[in-house]
Amino acid sequence: MFAIDESGYTGYDLLNKSQQWQGACAINIDDDDARHLIKQHFPRLQASELKFSSFKRRDGN
């Protein structure tokens, strides 16, 4: 499975000065390994998806 995520996308307005960057990443990991890592590093997670915007608000993350 490949998981791909992006951050900072402003659509077709590539010169938008308020959003000067866009980042993207991808990882190839099977579902069992992903579940194991999520349980190991985020044991109290209840959400169905990891979201940076949620994690950055909590000091423990």
PDB file of N, CA and C in Angstrom:
ATOM      1  N   MET A   1       0.838  -1.183   0.000  1.00  0.00           N
ATOM      2  CA  MET A   1       0.000   0.000   0.000  1.00  0.00           C
ATOM      3  C   MET A   1       0.881   1.243   0.000  1.00  0.00           C
ATOM      4  N   PHE A   2       0.549   2.197  -0.799  1.00  0.00           N
ATOM      5  CA  PHE A   2       1.222   3.484  -0.777  1.00  0.00           C
ATOM      6  C   PHE A   2       0.283   4.499  -0.145  1.00  0.00           C
ATOM      7  N   ALA A   3       0.778   5.252   0.814  1.00  0.00           N
ATOM      8  CA  ALA A   3       0.018   6.344   1.405  1.00  0.00           C
ATOM      9  C   ALA A   3       0.691   7.643   0.982  1.00  0.00           C
ATOM     10  N   ILE A   4      -0.096   8.572   0.495  1.00  0.00           N
ATOM     11  CA  ILE A   4       0.428   9.850   0.024  1.00  0.00           C
ATOM     12  C   ILE A   4      -0.350  10.963   0.713  1.00  0.00           C
ATOM     13  N   ASP A   5       0.365  11.995   1.155  1.00  0.00           N
ATOM     14  CA  ASP A   5      -0.287  13.118   1.813  1.00  0.00           C
ATOM     15  C   ASP A   5       0.366  14.411   1.335  1.00  0.00           C
ATOM     16  N   GLU A   6      -0.366  15.496   1.426  1.00  0.00           N
ATOM     17  CA  GLU A   6       0.152  16.792   1.018  1.00  0.00           C
ATOM     18  C   GLU A   6      -0.202  17.824   2.081  1.00  0.00           C
ATOM     19  N   SER A   7       0.517  18.922   2.042  1.00  0.00           N
ATOM     20  CA  SER A   7       0.259  20.019   2.952  1.00  0.00           C
ATOM     21  C   SER A   7       0.540  21.319   2.225  1.00  0.00           C
ATOM     22  N   GLY A   8      -0.300  22.300   2.439  1.00  0.00           N
ATOM     23  CA  GLY A   8      -0.060  23.612   1.860  1.00  0.00           C
ATOM     24  C   GLY A   8      -0.581  23.798   0.452  1.00  0.00           C
ATOM     25  N   TYR A   9      -1.470  22.960  -0.023  1.00  0.00           N
ATOM     26  CA  TYR A   9      -1.969  23.071  -1.389  1.00  0.00           C
ATOM     27  C   TYR A   9      -2.925  24.253  -1.512  1.00  0.00           C
ATOM     28  N   THR A  10      -2.656  25.144  -2.454  1.00  0.00           N
ATOM     29  CA  THR A  10      -3.517  26.310  -2.671  1.00  0.00           C
ATOM     30  C   THR A  10      -4.223  26.245  -4.019  1.00  0.00           C
ATOM     31  N   GLY A  11      -4.348  25.066  -4.565  1.00  0.00           N
ATOM     32  CA  GLY A  11      -5.017  24.932  -5.853  1.00  0.00           C
ATOM     33  C   GLY A  11      -4.122  25.396  -6.983  1.00  0.00           C
ATOM     34  N   TYR A  12      -4.723  25.984  -7.979  1.00  0.00           N
ATOM     35  CA  TYR A  12      -3.967  26.408  -9.159  1.00  0.00           C
ATOM     36  C   TYR A  12      -3.273  27.747  -8.962  1.00  0.00           C
ATOM     37  N   ASP A  13      -3.479  28.385  -7.816  1.00  0.00           N
ATOM     38  CA  ASP A  13      -2.839  29.665  -7.519  1.00  0.00           C
ATOM     39  C   ASP A  13      -1.433  29.407  -6.988  1.00  0.00           C
ATOM     40  N   LEU A  14      -0.520  29.007  -7.851  1.00  0.00           N
ATOM     41  CA  LEU A  14       0.826  28.602  -7.439  1.00  0.00           C
ATOM     42  C   LEU A  14       1.687  29.755  -6.946  1.00  0.00           C
ATOM     43  N   LEU A  15       1.267  30.980  -7.191  1.00  0.00           N
ATOM     44  CA  LEU A  15       2.040  32.137  -6.739  1.00  0.00           C
ATOM     45  C   LEU A  15       1.393  32.810  -5.532  1.00  0.00           C
ATOM     46  N   ASN A  16       0.511  32.144  -4.846  1.00  0.00           N
ATOM     47  CA  ASN A  16      -0.169  32.677  -3.670  1.00  0.00           C
ATOM     48  C   ASN A  16       0.861  32.983  -2.582  1.00  0.00           C
ATOM     49  N   LYS A  17       1.084  34.257  -2.263  1.00  0.00           N
ATOM     50  CA  LYS A  17       2.118  34.654  -1.311  1.00  0.00           C
ATOM     51  C   LYS A  17       1.807  34.242   0.119  1.00  0.00           C
ATOM     52  N   SER A  18       0.551  34.013   0.453  1.00  0.00           N
ATOM     53  CA  SER A  18       0.220  33.608   1.821  1.00  0.00           C
ATOM     54  C   SER A  18       0.515  32.122   2.061  1.00  0.00           C
ATOM     55  N   GLN A  19       0.750  31.389   1.017  1.00  0.00           N
ATOM     56  CA  GLN A  19       1.062  29.962   1.124  1.00  0.00           C
ATOM     57  C   GLN A  19       2.246  29.692   0.204  1.00  0.00           C
ATOM     58  N   GLN A  20       3.445  29.946   0.689  1.00  0.00           N
ATOM     59  CA  GLN A  20       4.611  29.947  -0.183  1.00  0.00           C
ATOM     60  C   GLN A  20       5.226  28.574  -0.404  1.00  0.00           C
ATOM     61  N   TRP A  21       4.687  27.534   0.174  1.00  0.00           N
ATOM     62  CA  TRP A  21       5.276  26.212   0.002  1.00  0.00           C
ATOM     63  C   TRP A  21       4.186  25.154  -0.051  1.00  0.00           C
ATOM     64  N   GLN A  22       4.529  24.038  -0.596  1.00  0.00           N
ATOM     65  CA  GLN A  22       3.683  22.852  -0.562  1.00  0.00           C
ATOM     66  C   GLN A  22       4.608  21.667  -0.336  1.00  0.00           C
ATOM     67  N   GLY A  23       4.212  20.789   0.539  1.00  0.00           N
ATOM     68  CA  GLY A  23       5.000  19.594   0.791  1.00  0.00           C
ATOM     69  C   GLY A  23       4.186  18.354   0.498  1.00  0.00           C
ATOM     70  N   ALA A  24       4.845  17.320   0.084  1.00  0.00           N
ATOM     71  CA  ALA A  24       4.173  16.048  -0.173  1.00  0.00           C
ATOM     72  C   ALA A  24       5.116  14.922   0.231  1.00  0.00           C
ATOM     73  N   CYS A  25       4.549  13.837   0.684  1.00  0.00           N
ATOM     74  CA  CYS A  25       5.375  12.683   1.027  1.00  0.00           C
ATOM     75  C   CYS A  25       4.588  11.408   0.728  1.00  0.00           C
ATOM     76  N   ALA A  26       5.315  10.316   0.629  1.00  0.00           N
ATOM     77  CA  ALA A  26       4.696   9.023   0.367  1.00  0.00           C
ATOM     78  C   ALA A  26       5.466   7.958   1.124  1.00  0.00           C
ATOM     79  N   ILE A  27       4.782   6.891   1.477  1.00  0.00           N
ATOM     80  CA  ILE A  27       5.420   5.780   2.168  1.00  0.00           C
ATOM     81  C   ILE A  27       4.799   4.483   1.668  1.00  0.00           C
ATOM     82  N   ASN A  28       5.610   3.469   1.555  1.00  0.00           N
ATOM     83  CA  ASN A  28       5.132   2.151   1.153  1.00  0.00           C
ATOM     84  C   ASN A  28       5.238   1.242   2.373  1.00  0.00           C
ATOM     85  N   ILE A  29       4.101   0.901   2.964  1.00  0.00           N
ATOM     86  CA  ILE A  29       4.070   0.096   4.177  1.00  0.00           C
ATOM     87  C   ILE A  29       2.790  -0.741   4.152  1.00  0.00           C
ATOM     88  N   ASP A  30       2.873  -1.963   4.646  1.00  0.00           N
ATOM     89  CA  ASP A  30       1.652  -2.769   4.616  1.00  0.00           C
ATOM     90  C   ASP A  30       0.757  -2.402   5.814  1.00  0.00           C
ATOM     91  N   ASP A  31      -0.504  -2.732   5.714  1.00  0.00           N
ATOM     92  CA  ASP A  31      -1.502  -2.331   6.710  1.00  0.00           C
ATOM     93  C   ASP A  31      -1.174  -2.838   8.112  1.00  0.00           C
ATOM     94  N   ASP A  32      -0.686  -4.062   8.231  1.00  0.00           N
ATOM     95  CA  ASP A  32      -0.358  -4.601   9.549  1.00  0.00           C
ATOM     96  C   ASP A  32       0.774  -3.825  10.212  1.00  0.00           C
ATOM     97  N   ASP A  33       1.813  -3.509   9.466  1.00  0.00           N
ATOM     98  CA  ASP A  33       2.914  -2.716  10.008  1.00  0.00           C
ATOM     99  C   ASP A  33       2.441  -1.317  10.407  1.00  0.00           C
ATOM    100  N   ALA A  34       1.599  -0.726   9.584  1.00  0.00           N
ATOM    101  CA  ALA A  34       1.075   0.608   9.897  1.00  0.00           C
ATOM    102  C   ALA A  34       0.260   0.580  11.187  1.00  0.00           C
ATOM    103  N   ARG A  35      -0.621  -0.401  11.334  1.00  0.00           N
ATOM    104  CA  ARG A  35      -1.422  -0.515  12.560  1.00  0.00           C
ATOM    105  C   ARG A  35      -0.530  -0.686  13.785  1.00  0.00           C
ATOM    106  N   HIS A  36       0.507  -1.520  13.661  1.00  0.00           N
ATOM    107  CA  HIS A  36       1.428  -1.747  14.766  1.00  0.00           C
ATOM    108  C   HIS A  36       2.130  -0.442  15.173  1.00  0.00           C
ATOM    109  N   LEU A  37       2.641   0.307  14.204  1.00  0.00           N
ATOM    110  CA  LEU A  37       3.337   1.549  14.495  1.00  0.00           C
ATOM    111  C   LEU A  37       2.408   2.593  15.119  1.00  0.00           C
ATOM    112  N   ILE A  38       1.189   2.681  14.612  1.00  0.00           N
ATOM    113  CA  ILE A  38       0.230   3.639  15.165  1.00  0.00           C
ATOM    114  C   ILE A  38      -0.105   3.283  16.608  1.00  0.00           C
ATOM    115  N   LYS A  39      -0.359   2.010  16.894  1.00  0.00           N
ATOM    116  CA  LYS A  39      -0.651   1.595  18.271  1.00  0.00           C
ATOM    117  C   LYS A  39       0.536   1.816  19.195  1.00  0.00           C
ATOM    118  N   GLN A  40       1.741   1.594  18.677  1.00  0.00           N
ATOM    119  CA  GLN A  40       2.947   1.762  19.477  1.00  0.00           C
ATOM    120  C   GLN A  40       3.195   3.225  19.829  1.00  0.00           C
ATOM    121  N   HIS A  41       3.036   4.121  18.869  1.00  0.00           N
ATOM    122  CA  HIS A  41       3.388   5.521  19.073  1.00  0.00           C
ATOM    123  C   HIS A  41       2.215   6.411  19.468  1.00  0.00           C
ATOM    124  N   PHE A  42       0.998   5.984  19.196  1.00  0.00           N
ATOM    125  CA  PHE A  42      -0.202   6.762  19.540  1.00  0.00           C
ATOM    126  C   PHE A  42      -1.244   5.839  20.178  1.00  0.00           C
ATOM    127  N   PRO A  43      -0.941   5.291  21.356  1.00  0.00           N
ATOM    128  CA  PRO A  43      -1.810   4.271  21.947  1.00  0.00           C
ATOM    129  C   PRO A  43      -3.225   4.738  22.289  1.00  0.00           C
ATOM    130  N   ARG A  44      -3.418   6.032  22.461  1.00  0.00           N
ATOM    131  CA  ARG A  44      -4.753   6.543  22.818  1.00  0.00           C
ATOM    132  C   ARG A  44      -5.530   7.074  21.621  1.00  0.00           C
ATOM    133  N   LEU A  45      -4.999   6.922  20.436  1.00  0.00           N
ATOM    134  CA  LEU A  45      -5.649   7.438  19.230  1.00  0.00           C
ATOM    135  C   LEU A  45      -7.018   6.797  19.037  1.00  0.00           C
ATOM    136  N   GLN A  46      -8.023   7.632  18.784  1.00  0.00           N
ATOM    137  CA  GLN A  46      -9.372   7.140  18.505  1.00  0.00           C
ATOM    138  C   GLN A  46      -9.831   7.493  17.094  1.00  0.00           C
ATOM    139  N   ALA A  47      -9.119   8.403  16.443  1.00  0.00           N
ATOM    140  CA  ALA A  47      -9.492   8.834  15.091  1.00  0.00           C
ATOM    141  C   ALA A  47      -9.161   7.744  14.078  1.00  0.00           C
ATOM    142  N   SER A  48      -9.847   7.778  12.965  1.00  0.00           N
ATOM    143  CA  SER A  48      -9.597   6.785  11.917  1.00  0.00           C
ATOM    144  C   SER A  48      -8.418   7.167  11.023  1.00  0.00           C
ATOM    145  N   GLU A  49      -7.940   8.417  11.150  1.00  0.00           N
ATOM    146  CA  GLU A  49      -6.856   8.897  10.297  1.00  0.00           C
ATOM    147  C   GLU A  49      -5.943   9.795  11.124  1.00  0.00           C
ATOM    148  N   LEU A  50      -4.636   9.684  10.909  1.00  0.00           N
ATOM    149  CA  LEU A  50      -3.686  10.561  11.581  1.00  0.00           C
ATOM    150  C   LEU A  50      -3.697  11.912  10.879  1.00  0.00           C
ATOM    151  N   LYS A  51      -3.882  12.983  11.649  1.00  0.00           N
ATOM    152  CA  LYS A  51      -3.897  14.338  11.091  1.00  0.00           C
ATOM    153  C   LYS A  51      -2.934  15.208  11.882  1.00  0.00           C
ATOM    154  N   PHE A  52      -1.953  15.807  11.206  1.00  0.00           N
ATOM    155  CA  PHE A  52      -0.992  16.663  11.886  1.00  0.00           C
ATOM    156  C   PHE A  52      -1.685  17.800  12.625  1.00  0.00           C
ATOM    157  N   SER A  53      -2.710  18.380  12.024  1.00  0.00           N
ATOM    158  CA  SER A  53      -3.392  19.516  12.650  1.00  0.00           C
ATOM    159  C   SER A  53      -3.965  19.141  14.017  1.00  0.00           C
ATOM    160  N   SER A  54      -4.329  17.889  14.208  1.00  0.00           N
ATOM    161  CA  SER A  54      -4.823  17.433  15.507  1.00  0.00           C
ATOM    162  C   SER A  54      -3.683  17.163  16.473  1.00  0.00           C
ATOM    163  N   PHE A  55      -2.609  16.548  15.984  1.00  0.00           N
ATOM    164  CA  PHE A  55      -1.491  16.178  16.844  1.00  0.00           C
ATOM    165  C   PHE A  55      -0.718  17.384  17.354  1.00  0.00           C
ATOM    166  N   LYS A  56      -0.584  18.417  16.543  1.00  0.00           N
ATOM    167  CA  LYS A  56       0.237  19.559  16.949  1.00  0.00           C
ATOM    168  C   LYS A  56      -0.365  20.304  18.138  1.00  0.00           C
ATOM    169  N   ARG A  57      -1.637  20.118  18.412  1.00  0.00           N
ATOM    170  CA  ARG A  57      -2.290  20.787  19.547  1.00  0.00           C
ATOM    171  C   ARG A  57      -2.019  20.116  20.880  1.00  0.00           C
ATOM    172  N   ARG A  58      -1.472  18.914  20.859  1.00  0.00           N
ATOM    173  CA  ARG A  58      -1.274  18.162  22.101  1.00  0.00           C
ATOM    174  C   ARG A  58       0.222  18.038  22.407  1.00  0.00           C
ATOM    175  N   ASP A  59       0.605  18.472  23.611  1.00  0.00           N
ATOM    176  CA  ASP A  59       2.015  18.438  23.996  1.00  0.00           C
ATOM    177  C   ASP A  59       2.578  17.022  23.981  1.00  0.00           C
ATOM    178  N   GLY A  60       1.780  16.025  24.307  1.00  0.00           N
ATOM    179  CA  GLY A  60       2.251  14.644  24.368  1.00  0.00           C
ATOM    180  C   GLY A  60       2.599  14.050  23.017  1.00  0.00           C
ATOM    181  N   ASN A  61       2.184  14.674  21.953  1.00  0.00           N
ATOM    182  CA  ASN A  61       2.465  14.160  20.615  1.00  0.00           C
ATOM    183  C   ASN A  61       3.714  14.804  20.065  1.00  0.00           C
TER     184      ASN A  61
END
